Amino acid sequence: MPPLPNSSPPTRAVLAALQSAYPAHTYGYDLSKGTCLKSGTLYPILQRLHDQGYLDAQWEDSPHPGKPPGTSTA
């Protein structure tokens, strides 16, 4: 049985955002905007929840080398 997730306010905010979006896939950027958490807080929480088996995650490659997914060029 995996350990219980951390119950800090940021973790609860992430879990609430994921629950409200379920069953749709959610991107980290959308979670960051919806929870007002910076990436340095959000991504460690997501990694910990993934490692504990509470969520499934996948990374998408960027269509533009050197730029994160979702970034457009003009």
Protein backbone atom coordinates (compact mmCIF):
# COMPACT_ATOMS: atom_id res chain seq x y z
CA MET A 1 0.00 0.00 0.00
CA PRO A 2 1.46 3.40 -0.98
CA PRO A 3 2.05 5.97 1.74
CA LEU A 4 -0.60 8.62 2.24
CA PRO A 5 -0.02 11.81 0.25
CA ASN A 6 1.32 14.86 2.01
CA SER A 7 -1.63 16.93 3.19
CA SER A 8 -0.04 20.38 2.91
CA PRO A 9 -2.27 23.15 1.53
CA PRO A 10 -0.44 23.15 -1.86
CA THR A 11 -0.86 19.37 -2.17
CA ARG A 12 -4.56 19.66 -1.31
CA ALA A 13 -4.91 22.40 -3.95
CA VAL A 14 -3.31 20.16 -6.59
CA LEU A 15 -5.50 17.19 -5.63
CA ALA A 16 -8.63 19.37 -5.73
CA ALA A 17 -7.70 20.71 -9.18
CA LEU A 18 -7.03 17.21 -10.48
CA GLN A 19 -10.29 15.95 -9.04
CA SER A 20 -12.31 18.78 -10.59
CA ALA A 21 -10.79 18.08 -14.02
CA TYR A 22 -11.21 14.28 -13.80
CA PRO A 23 -11.42 12.29 -16.08
CA ALA A 24 -9.82 14.76 -18.50
CA HIS A 25 -6.06 14.96 -18.82
CA THR A 26 -4.57 18.00 -17.14
CA TYR A 27 -1.36 19.79 -18.08
CA GLY A 28 1.07 21.15 -15.51
CA TYR A 29 0.70 24.66 -16.92
CA ASP A 30 -3.07 24.52 -16.40
CA LEU A 31 -2.59 23.22 -12.86
CA SER A 32 -0.13 26.02 -12.16
CA LYS A 33 -2.60 28.65 -13.32
CA GLY A 34 -5.55 27.03 -11.52
CA THR A 35 -3.75 26.61 -8.20
CA CYS A 36 -1.49 29.71 -8.37
CA LEU A 37 1.48 27.46 -7.57
CA LYS A 38 4.87 28.12 -9.11
CA SER A 39 6.56 25.30 -10.99
CA GLY A 40 9.12 24.81 -8.19
CA THR A 41 6.25 23.88 -5.88
CA LEU A 42 3.88 22.20 -8.33
CA TYR A 43 6.17 19.77 -10.12
CA PRO A 44 7.70 18.24 -6.97
CA ILE A 45 4.14 17.64 -5.70
CA LEU A 46 3.15 16.00 -8.99
CA GLN A 47 6.31 13.88 -8.96
CA ARG A 48 5.67 12.77 -5.38
CA LEU A 49 2.03 11.88 -6.12
CA HIS A 50 3.15 9.97 -9.21
CA ASP A 51 5.86 8.11 -7.27
CA GLN A 52 3.29 7.17 -4.62
CA GLY A 53 0.92 5.81 -7.26
CA TYR A 54 -1.80 8.44 -6.88
CA LEU A 55 -1.65 9.68 -10.46
CA ASP A 56 -0.41 8.67 -13.87
CA ALA A 57 1.76 11.10 -15.78
CA GLN A 58 3.37 11.36 -19.17
CA TRP A 59 5.64 13.87 -20.81
CA GLU A 60 5.04 15.11 -24.33
CA ASP A 61 7.90 16.06 -26.58
CA SER A 62 7.94 19.60 -27.88
CA PRO A 63 7.33 20.01 -31.59
CA HIS A 64 9.94 22.82 -31.45
CA PRO A 65 13.43 21.76 -30.29
CA GLY A 66 14.65 23.78 -27.33
CA LYS A 67 11.17 25.02 -26.39
CA PRO A 68 8.68 23.52 -23.96
CA PRO A 69 5.49 21.91 -25.29
CA GLY A 70 2.75 24.41 -25.98
CA THR A 71 5.08 27.26 -26.85
CA SER A 72 4.32 28.76 -30.21
CA THR A 73 6.66 30.63 -32.47
CA ALA A 74 5.69 33.60 -34.59
